[in-house]
PDB file of N, CA and C in Angstrom:
ATOM      1  N   MET A   1       0.708  -1.307  -0.135  1.00  0.00           N
ATOM      2  CA  MET A   1       0.090  -0.194   0.010  1.00  0.00           C
ATOM      3  C   MET A   1       0.685   1.378  -0.164  1.00  0.00           C
ATOM      4  N   SER A   2       0.516   2.182  -0.339  1.00  0.00           N
ATOM      5  CA  SER A   2       1.253   3.349  -0.875  1.00  0.00           C
ATOM      6  C   SER A   2       0.521   4.298  -1.294  1.00  0.00           C
ATOM      7  N   ARG A   3       1.269   5.881  -0.430  1.00  0.00           N
ATOM      8  CA  ARG A   3       0.622   6.948  -0.200  1.00  0.00           C
ATOM      9  C   ARG A   3       1.041   8.320  -1.363  1.00  0.00           C
ATOM     10  N   VAL A   4       0.045   8.914  -1.978  1.00  0.00           N
ATOM     11  CA  VAL A   4       0.309   9.900  -2.736  1.00  0.00           C
ATOM     12  C   VAL A   4       0.930  11.456  -2.134  1.00  0.00           C
ATOM     13  N   ALA A   5       1.583  11.769  -1.997  1.00  0.00           N
ATOM     14  CA  ALA A   5       2.318  13.023  -1.489  1.00  0.00           C
ATOM     15  C   ALA A   5       3.187  13.945  -2.005  1.00  0.00           C
ATOM     16  N   VAL A   6       3.116  15.010  -1.939  1.00  0.00           N
ATOM     17  CA  VAL A   6       4.134  16.479  -2.142  1.00  0.00           C
ATOM     18  C   VAL A   6       5.375  16.696  -1.522  1.00  0.00           C
ATOM     19  N   MET A   7       6.441  16.804  -1.743  1.00  0.00           N
ATOM     20  CA  MET A   7       7.551  17.351  -0.860  1.00  0.00           C
ATOM     21  C   MET A   7       8.058  18.268  -1.236  1.00  0.00           C
ATOM     22  N   SER A   8       7.937  19.461  -0.625  1.00  0.00           N
ATOM     23  CA  SER A   8       8.605  20.864  -0.914  1.00  0.00           C
ATOM     24  C   SER A   8      10.360  20.841   0.084  1.00  0.00           C
ATOM     25  N   ILE A   9      10.990  21.305  -0.911  1.00  0.00           N
ATOM     26  CA  ILE A   9      12.728  21.315  -0.688  1.00  0.00           C
ATOM     27  C   ILE A   9      13.301  22.571  -1.021  1.00  0.00           C
ATOM     28  N   ILE A  10      13.456  23.457   0.204  1.00  0.00           N
ATOM     29  CA  ILE A  10      14.437  24.918  -0.558  1.00  0.00           C
ATOM     30  C   ILE A  10      15.787  24.234  -0.219  1.00  0.00           C
ATOM     31  N   VAL A  11      16.634  24.866  -1.261  1.00  0.00           N
ATOM     32  CA  VAL A  11      18.346  24.422  -1.196  1.00  0.00           C
ATOM     33  C   VAL A  11      18.633  25.475  -0.753  1.00  0.00           C
ATOM     34  N   GLU A  12      19.038  26.153   0.058  1.00  0.00           N
ATOM     35  CA  GLU A  12      20.090  27.397   0.488  1.00  0.00           C
ATOM     36  C   GLU A  12      21.577  27.243   0.525  1.00  0.00           C
ATOM     37  N   ALA A  13      21.966  25.874   0.473  1.00  0.00           N
ATOM     38  CA  ALA A  13      23.418  25.275   0.270  1.00  0.00           C
ATOM     39  C   ALA A  13      23.561  24.866  -0.832  1.00  0.00           C
ATOM     40  N   ARG A  14      24.699  25.644  -1.608  1.00  0.00           N
ATOM     41  CA  ARG A  14      24.426  25.010  -3.186  1.00  0.00           C
ATOM     42  C   ARG A  14      25.205  23.630  -3.239  1.00  0.00           C
ATOM     43  N   GLU A  15      26.197  23.382  -2.030  1.00  0.00           N
ATOM     44  CA  GLU A  15      27.354  22.595  -1.978  1.00  0.00           C
ATOM     45  C   GLU A  15      26.269  20.879  -1.965  1.00  0.00           C
ATOM     46  N   SER A  16      25.291  21.576  -1.039  1.00  0.00           N
ATOM     47  CA  SER A  16      24.712  20.129  -0.836  1.00  0.00           C
ATOM     48  C   SER A  16      23.736  19.869  -1.755  1.00  0.00           C
ATOM     49  N   ALA A  17      23.649  20.345  -3.377  1.00  0.00           N
ATOM     50  CA  ALA A  17      23.097  20.316  -4.471  1.00  0.00           C
ATOM     51  C   ALA A  17      23.428  18.247  -5.123  1.00  0.00           C
ATOM     52  N   ASP A  18      24.391  18.027  -4.620  1.00  0.00           N
ATOM     53  CA  ASP A  18      24.586  16.825  -5.446  1.00  0.00           C
ATOM     54  C   ASP A  18      24.201  15.941  -4.491  1.00  0.00           C
ATOM     55  N   ALA A  19      24.455  15.911  -3.038  1.00  0.00           N
ATOM     56  CA  ALA A  19      24.049  14.698  -2.431  1.00  0.00           C
ATOM     57  C   ALA A  19      22.663  14.659  -2.577  1.00  0.00           C
ATOM     58  N   LEU A  20      21.471  16.052  -2.240  1.00  0.00           N
ATOM     59  CA  LEU A  20      20.341  15.806  -2.958  1.00  0.00           C
ATOM     60  C   LEU A  20      19.903  14.771  -3.802  1.00  0.00           C
ATOM     61  N   ASN A  21      20.159  15.281  -5.070  1.00  0.00           N
ATOM     62  CA  ASN A  21      20.647  14.572  -6.305  1.00  0.00           C
ATOM     63  C   ASN A  21      20.306  13.375  -6.294  1.00  0.00           C
ATOM     64  N   SER A  22      21.647  12.670  -5.944  1.00  0.00           N
ATOM     65  CA  SER A  22      21.984  11.277  -5.244  1.00  0.00           C
ATOM     66  C   SER A  22      21.189  10.460  -3.995  1.00  0.00           C
ATOM     67  N   ILE A  23      20.491  11.325  -3.235  1.00  0.00           N
ATOM     68  CA  ILE A  23      19.182  11.020  -2.593  1.00  0.00           C
ATOM     69  C   ILE A  23      18.060  10.335  -3.242  1.00  0.00           C
ATOM     70  N   LEU A  24      17.417  11.682  -4.296  1.00  0.00           N
ATOM     71  CA  LEU A  24      16.061  12.048  -4.918  1.00  0.00           C
ATOM     72  C   LEU A  24      16.437  10.326  -5.936  1.00  0.00           C
ATOM     73  N   SER A  25      17.388  10.128  -6.464  1.00  0.00           N
ATOM     74  CA  SER A  25      17.730   9.302  -7.506  1.00  0.00           C
ATOM     75  C   SER A  25      17.582   7.763  -6.512  1.00  0.00           C
ATOM     76  N   GLU A  26      18.046   7.837  -5.527  1.00  0.00           N
ATOM     77  CA  GLU A  26      17.533   6.130  -4.972  1.00  0.00           C
ATOM     78  C   GLU A  26      16.330   6.162  -5.052  1.00  0.00           C
ATOM     79  N   TYR A  27      15.645   7.411  -4.805  1.00  0.00           N
ATOM     80  CA  TYR A  27      14.076   6.886  -4.338  1.00  0.00           C
ATOM     81  C   TYR A  27      13.399   7.260  -6.035  1.00  0.00           C
ATOM     82  N   GLY A  28      13.741   6.996  -6.683  1.00  0.00           N
ATOM     83  CA  GLY A  28      13.626   6.901  -8.469  1.00  0.00           C
ATOM     84  C   GLY A  28      12.174   6.826  -8.688  1.00  0.00           C
ATOM     85  N   GLU A  29      12.178   4.911  -8.343  1.00  0.00           N
ATOM     86  CA  GLU A  29      11.104   4.854  -8.906  1.00  0.00           C
ATOM     87  C   GLU A  29       9.439   5.111  -8.358  1.00  0.00           C
ATOM     88  N   TYR A  30       9.989   5.593  -7.208  1.00  0.00           N
ATOM     89  CA  TYR A  30       8.333   6.360  -6.600  1.00  0.00           C
ATOM     90  C   TYR A  30       8.012   8.099  -7.092  1.00  0.00           C
ATOM     91  N   ILE A  31       9.179   8.670  -7.359  1.00  0.00           N
ATOM     92  CA  ILE A  31       8.965   9.553  -8.167  1.00  0.00           C
ATOM     93  C   ILE A  31       7.948   9.941  -9.443  1.00  0.00           C
ATOM     94  N   ILE A  32       6.641  10.609  -9.239  1.00  0.00           N
ATOM     95  CA  ILE A  32       5.869  10.160 -10.387  1.00  0.00           C
ATOM     96  C   ILE A  32       6.525  12.186 -10.896  1.00  0.00           C
ATOM     97  N   GLY A  33       6.774  12.770 -10.365  1.00  0.00           N
ATOM     98  CA  GLY A  33       7.387  14.455 -11.240  1.00  0.00           C
ATOM     99  C   GLY A  33       8.124  14.974 -10.156  1.00  0.00           C
ATOM    100  N   ARG A  34       8.730  15.966 -10.680  1.00  0.00           N
ATOM    101  CA  ARG A  34       9.711  16.840 -10.141  1.00  0.00           C
ATOM    102  C   ARG A  34      10.058  18.293 -10.791  1.00  0.00           C
ATOM    103  N   MET A  35       9.876  19.405 -10.170  1.00  0.00           N
ATOM    104  CA  MET A  35       9.984  20.446 -10.775  1.00  0.00           C
ATOM    105  C   MET A  35      11.061  21.484 -10.235  1.00  0.00           C
ATOM    106  N   GLY A  36      11.863  22.066 -10.387  1.00  0.00           N
ATOM    107  CA  GLY A  36      12.943  22.937  -9.865  1.00  0.00           C
ATOM    108  C   GLY A  36      13.209  24.199 -10.679  1.00  0.00           C
ATOM    109  N   VAL A  37      12.610  25.364  -9.216  1.00  0.00           N
ATOM    110  CA  VAL A  37      13.158  26.757 -10.079  1.00  0.00           C
ATOM    111  C   VAL A  37      14.079  27.314  -9.130  1.00  0.00           C
ATOM    112  N   PRO A  38      15.103  27.402 -10.058  1.00  0.00           N
ATOM    113  CA  PRO A  38      16.226  28.659  -8.955  1.00  0.00           C
ATOM    114  C   PRO A  38      15.943  29.809  -8.617  1.00  0.00           C
ATOM    115  N   TYR A  39      16.135  30.273  -7.844  1.00  0.00           N
ATOM    116  CA  TYR A  39      15.583  32.032  -7.444  1.00  0.00           C
ATOM    117  C   TYR A  39      16.999  32.654  -7.018  1.00  0.00           C
ATOM    118  N   LYS A  40      17.438  32.988  -8.744  1.00  0.00           N
ATOM    119  CA  LYS A  40      18.643  33.579  -8.308  1.00  0.00           C
ATOM    120  C   LYS A  40      18.860  35.102  -7.736  1.00  0.00           C
ATOM    121  N   GLU A  41      17.865  35.713  -7.377  1.00  0.00           N
ATOM    122  CA  GLU A  41      18.319  36.632  -7.082  1.00  0.00           C
ATOM    123  C   GLU A  41      18.154  36.290  -5.047  1.00  0.00           C
ATOM    124  N   LYS A  42      17.822  35.454  -4.950  1.00  0.00           N
ATOM    125  CA  LYS A  42      18.004  35.024  -3.395  1.00  0.00           C
ATOM    126  C   LYS A  42      19.141  33.786  -2.756  1.00  0.00           C
ATOM    127  N   GLY A  43      19.216  33.225  -4.156  1.00  0.00           N
ATOM    128  CA  GLY A  43      20.407  32.297  -4.233  1.00  0.00           C
ATOM    129  C   GLY A  43      20.062  31.176  -3.591  1.00  0.00           C
ATOM    130  N   ILE A  44      18.696  30.696  -3.732  1.00  0.00           N
ATOM    131  CA  ILE A  44      18.352  29.475  -3.484  1.00  0.00           C
ATOM    132  C   ILE A  44      17.691  28.456  -4.571  1.00  0.00           C
ATOM    133  N   SER A  45      17.224  27.684  -4.347  1.00  0.00           N
ATOM    134  CA  SER A  45      16.120  26.806  -5.185  1.00  0.00           C
ATOM    135  C   SER A  45      15.209  26.048  -4.582  1.00  0.00           C
ATOM    136  N   ILE A  46      14.420  25.780  -5.273  1.00  0.00           N
ATOM    137  CA  ILE A  46      12.955  25.212  -4.704  1.00  0.00           C
ATOM    138  C   ILE A  46      12.488  24.382  -5.720  1.00  0.00           C
ATOM    139  N   ILE A  47      12.332  22.926  -5.067  1.00  0.00           N
ATOM    140  CA  ILE A  47      12.096  22.059  -5.782  1.00  0.00           C
ATOM    141  C   ILE A  47      10.593  21.391  -4.919  1.00  0.00           C
ATOM    142  N   SER A  48       9.710  20.614  -5.877  1.00  0.00           N
ATOM    143  CA  SER A  48       8.665  20.157  -5.657  1.00  0.00           C
ATOM    144  C   SER A  48       8.638  18.589  -6.234  1.00  0.00           C
ATOM    145  N   VAL A  49       8.710  17.727  -5.605  1.00  0.00           N
ATOM    146  CA  VAL A  49       8.648  16.314  -5.624  1.00  0.00           C
ATOM    147  C   VAL A  49       7.199  15.712  -5.692  1.00  0.00           C
ATOM    148  N   ALA A  50       6.595  14.929  -6.410  1.00  0.00           N
ATOM    149  CA  ALA A  50       5.059  14.372  -6.569  1.00  0.00           C
ATOM    150  C   ALA A  50       5.971  12.572  -6.380  1.00  0.00           C
ATOM    151  N   LEU A  51       5.306  12.306  -5.247  1.00  0.00           N
ATOM    152  CA  LEU A  51       5.706  10.831  -4.777  1.00  0.00           C
ATOM    153  C   LEU A  51       4.279  10.311  -4.635  1.00  0.00           C
ATOM    154  N   ASP A  52       4.378   8.869  -4.989  1.00  0.00           N
ATOM    155  CA  ASP A  52       3.612   7.867  -4.891  1.00  0.00           C
ATOM    156  C   ASP A  52       4.578   6.383  -4.115  1.00  0.00           C
ATOM    157  N   ALA A  53       4.497   6.268  -2.758  1.00  0.00           N
ATOM    158  CA  ALA A  53       5.307   5.511  -2.196  1.00  0.00           C
ATOM    159  C   ALA A  53       5.019   4.992  -1.091  1.00  0.00           C
ATOM    160  N   PRO A  54       5.306   4.053  -0.889  1.00  0.00           N
ATOM    161  CA  PRO A  54       4.843   3.539   1.172  1.00  0.00           C
ATOM    162  C   PRO A  54       5.111   4.577   1.675  1.00  0.00           C
ATOM    163  N   GLN A  55       4.300   4.683   2.700  1.00  0.00           N
ATOM    164  CA  GLN A  55       4.570   5.689   3.944  1.00  0.00           C
ATOM    165  C   GLN A  55       5.973   5.623   4.488  1.00  0.00           C
ATOM    166  N   ASP A  56       6.787   4.684   4.660  1.00  0.00           N
ATOM    167  CA  ASP A  56       8.084   4.206   5.494  1.00  0.00           C
ATOM    168  C   ASP A  56       8.771   5.163   4.405  1.00  0.00           C
ATOM    169  N   SER A  57       9.062   4.887   3.031  1.00  0.00           N
ATOM    170  CA  SER A  57      10.005   5.096   2.257  1.00  0.00           C
ATOM    171  C   SER A  57       9.514   6.566   1.960  1.00  0.00           C
ATOM    172  N   ILE A  58       8.148   7.359   2.132  1.00  0.00           N
ATOM    173  CA  ILE A  58       8.241   8.501   1.964  1.00  0.00           C
ATOM    174  C   ILE A  58       9.120   9.343   3.132  1.00  0.00           C
ATOM    175  N   SER A  59       8.476   8.845   4.593  1.00  0.00           N
ATOM    176  CA  SER A  59       9.786   9.375   5.651  1.00  0.00           C
ATOM    177  C   SER A  59      10.771   9.221   5.983  1.00  0.00           C
ATOM    178  N   ALA A  60      11.629   8.046   5.257  1.00  0.00           N
ATOM    179  CA  ALA A  60      12.813   7.778   5.105  1.00  0.00           C
ATOM    180  C   ALA A  60      13.656   8.872   3.942  1.00  0.00           C
ATOM    181  N   LEU A  61      12.714   9.424   3.263  1.00  0.00           N
ATOM    182  CA  LEU A  61      13.299  10.018   2.132  1.00  0.00           C
ATOM    183  C   LEU A  61      13.302  11.404   2.878  1.00  0.00           C
ATOM    184  N   SER A  62      12.681  12.039   3.826  1.00  0.00           N
ATOM    185  CA  SER A  62      12.215  13.335   4.002  1.00  0.00           C
ATOM    186  C   SER A  62      13.438  13.325   5.291  1.00  0.00           C
ATOM    187  N   GLY A  63      13.796  12.140   5.699  1.00  0.00           N
ATOM    188  CA  GLY A  63      14.544  12.626   7.249  1.00  0.00           C
ATOM    189  C   GLY A  63      16.112  12.672   6.414  1.00  0.00           C
ATOM    190  N   LYS A  64      16.243  12.204   5.215  1.00  0.00           N
ATOM    191  CA  LYS A  64      17.966  11.409   4.675  1.00  0.00           C
ATOM    192  C   LYS A  64      17.795  13.416   3.957  1.00  0.00           C
ATOM    193  N   ILE A  65      16.787  14.027   3.468  1.00  0.00           N
ATOM    194  CA  ILE A  65      17.366  15.288   2.514  1.00  0.00           C
ATOM    195  C   ILE A  65      16.987  16.034   4.162  1.00  0.00           C
ATOM    196  N   GLY A  66      16.787  15.960   5.076  1.00  0.00           N
ATOM    197  CA  GLY A  66      16.559  16.735   5.952  1.00  0.00           C
ATOM    198  C   GLY A  66      17.938  17.095   7.058  1.00  0.00           C
ATOM    199  N   LYS A  67      18.691  16.017   6.984  1.00  0.00           N
ATOM    200  CA  LYS A  67      19.782  16.087   7.052  1.00  0.00           C
ATOM    201  C   LYS A  67      20.499  16.723   6.454  1.00  0.00           C
ATOM    202  N   LEU A  68      20.620  17.113   5.424  1.00  0.00           N
ATOM    203  CA  LEU A  68      21.590  17.507   4.256  1.00  0.00           C
ATOM    204  C   LEU A  68      21.529  19.028   4.697  1.00  0.00           C
ATOM    205  N   LYS A  69      22.776  19.803   4.810  1.00  0.00           N
ATOM    206  CA  LYS A  69      23.106  20.862   5.358  1.00  0.00           C
ATOM    207  C   LYS A  69      22.879  22.346   4.571  1.00  0.00           C
ATOM    208  N   GLY A  70      22.065  22.675   5.267  1.00  0.00           N
ATOM    209  CA  GLY A  70      21.572  24.456   4.127  1.00  0.00           C
ATOM    210  C   GLY A  70      19.940  23.656   3.365  1.00  0.00           C
ATOM    211  N   VAL A  71      19.532  22.833   3.970  1.00  0.00           N
ATOM    212  CA  VAL A  71      18.144  21.958   3.150  1.00  0.00           C
ATOM    213  C   VAL A  71      17.373  21.993   3.796  1.00  0.00           C
ATOM    214  N   SER A  72      16.082  22.260   3.485  1.00  0.00           N
ATOM    215  CA  SER A  72      14.762  22.333   4.258  1.00  0.00           C
ATOM    216  C   SER A  72      14.060  21.515   3.631  1.00  0.00           C
ATOM    217  N   VAL A  73      12.863  20.455   4.238  1.00  0.00           N
ATOM    218  CA  VAL A  73      12.065  19.703   3.695  1.00  0.00           C
ATOM    219  C   VAL A  73      10.592  19.754   4.378  1.00  0.00           C
ATOM    220  N   LYS A  74       9.370  19.670   3.795  1.00  0.00           N
ATOM    221  CA  LYS A  74       8.380  19.292   4.195  1.00  0.00           C
ATOM    222  C   LYS A  74       7.375  18.648   3.294  1.00  0.00           C
ATOM    223  N   THR A  75       6.739  17.763   3.962  1.00  0.00           N
ATOM    224  CA  THR A  75       5.558  16.788   2.843  1.00  0.00           C
ATOM    225  C   THR A  75       4.382  17.067   3.560  1.00  0.00           C
ATOM    226  N   ALA A  76       3.740  16.835   2.513  1.00  0.00           N
ATOM    227  CA  ALA A  76       2.572  16.821   2.690  1.00  0.00           C
ATOM    228  C   ALA A  76       1.388  15.998   1.921  1.00  0.00           C
ATOM    229  N   TYR A  77       0.896  14.983   2.649  1.00  0.00           N
ATOM    230  CA  TYR A  77       0.242  13.933   1.997  1.00  0.00           C
ATOM    231  C   TYR A  77      -1.183  13.844   1.815  1.00  0.00           C
ATOM    232  N   SER A  78      -1.435  13.549   0.297  1.00  0.00           N
ATOM    233  CA  SER A  78      -2.908  13.088  -0.014  1.00  0.00           C
ATOM    234  C   SER A  78      -3.615  12.051   0.388  1.00  0.00           C
ATOM    235  N   SER A  79      -4.973  12.283   0.870  1.00  0.00           N
ATOM    236  CA  SER A  79      -5.484  11.149   1.565  1.00  0.00           C
ATOM    237  C   SER A  79      -5.779   9.987   0.397  1.00  0.00           C
ATOM    238  N   VAL A  80      -5.082  10.259  -0.483  1.00  0.00           N
ATOM    239  CA  VAL A  80      -5.604   8.962  -1.737  1.00  0.00           C
ATOM    240  C   VAL A  80      -4.497   7.898  -1.099  1.00  0.00           C
ATOM    241  N   ILE A  81      -4.619   6.672  -1.246  1.00  0.00           N
ATOM    242  CA  ILE A  81      -3.739   5.425  -1.105  1.00  0.00           C
ATOM    243  C   ILE A  81      -4.035   4.422  -1.887  1.00  0.00           C
ATOM    244  N   THR A  82      -2.992   4.246  -2.422  1.00  0.00           N
ATOM    245  CA  THR A  82      -2.957   2.990  -3.956  1.00  0.00           C
ATOM    246  C   THR A  82      -2.610   1.733  -3.307  1.00  0.00           C
ATOM    247  N   ASP A  83      -2.866   0.753  -4.238  1.00  0.00           N
ATOM    248  CA  ASP A  83      -2.252  -0.449  -3.958  1.00  0.00           C
ATOM    249  C   ASP A  83      -1.689  -1.410  -4.357  1.00  0.00           C
ATOM    250  N   ASP A  84       0.025  -0.235  -4.624  1.00  0.00           N
ATOM    251  CA  ASP A  84       0.959  -0.816  -5.625  1.00  0.00           C
ATOM    252  C   ASP A  84       1.706  -1.319  -4.337  1.00  0.00           C
TER     253      ASP A  84
END
């Protein structure tokens, strides 16, 4: 059973970008889509990631991202539960 969720990520430390991309690649099978917006005037990047994954995988992904220096993450869950 899996949940549909969206993860909002703000990257303030550019040096964490490679580690972030590596973590996201680990969970690529669960990613429905991803959109990144560089906000050059503020020196940050804003990333949205749509997921369809087991609850524990979403939590693990969020936890790994949250440990990165200069990276903030928040997750919103849909009430939609799928049978994957």
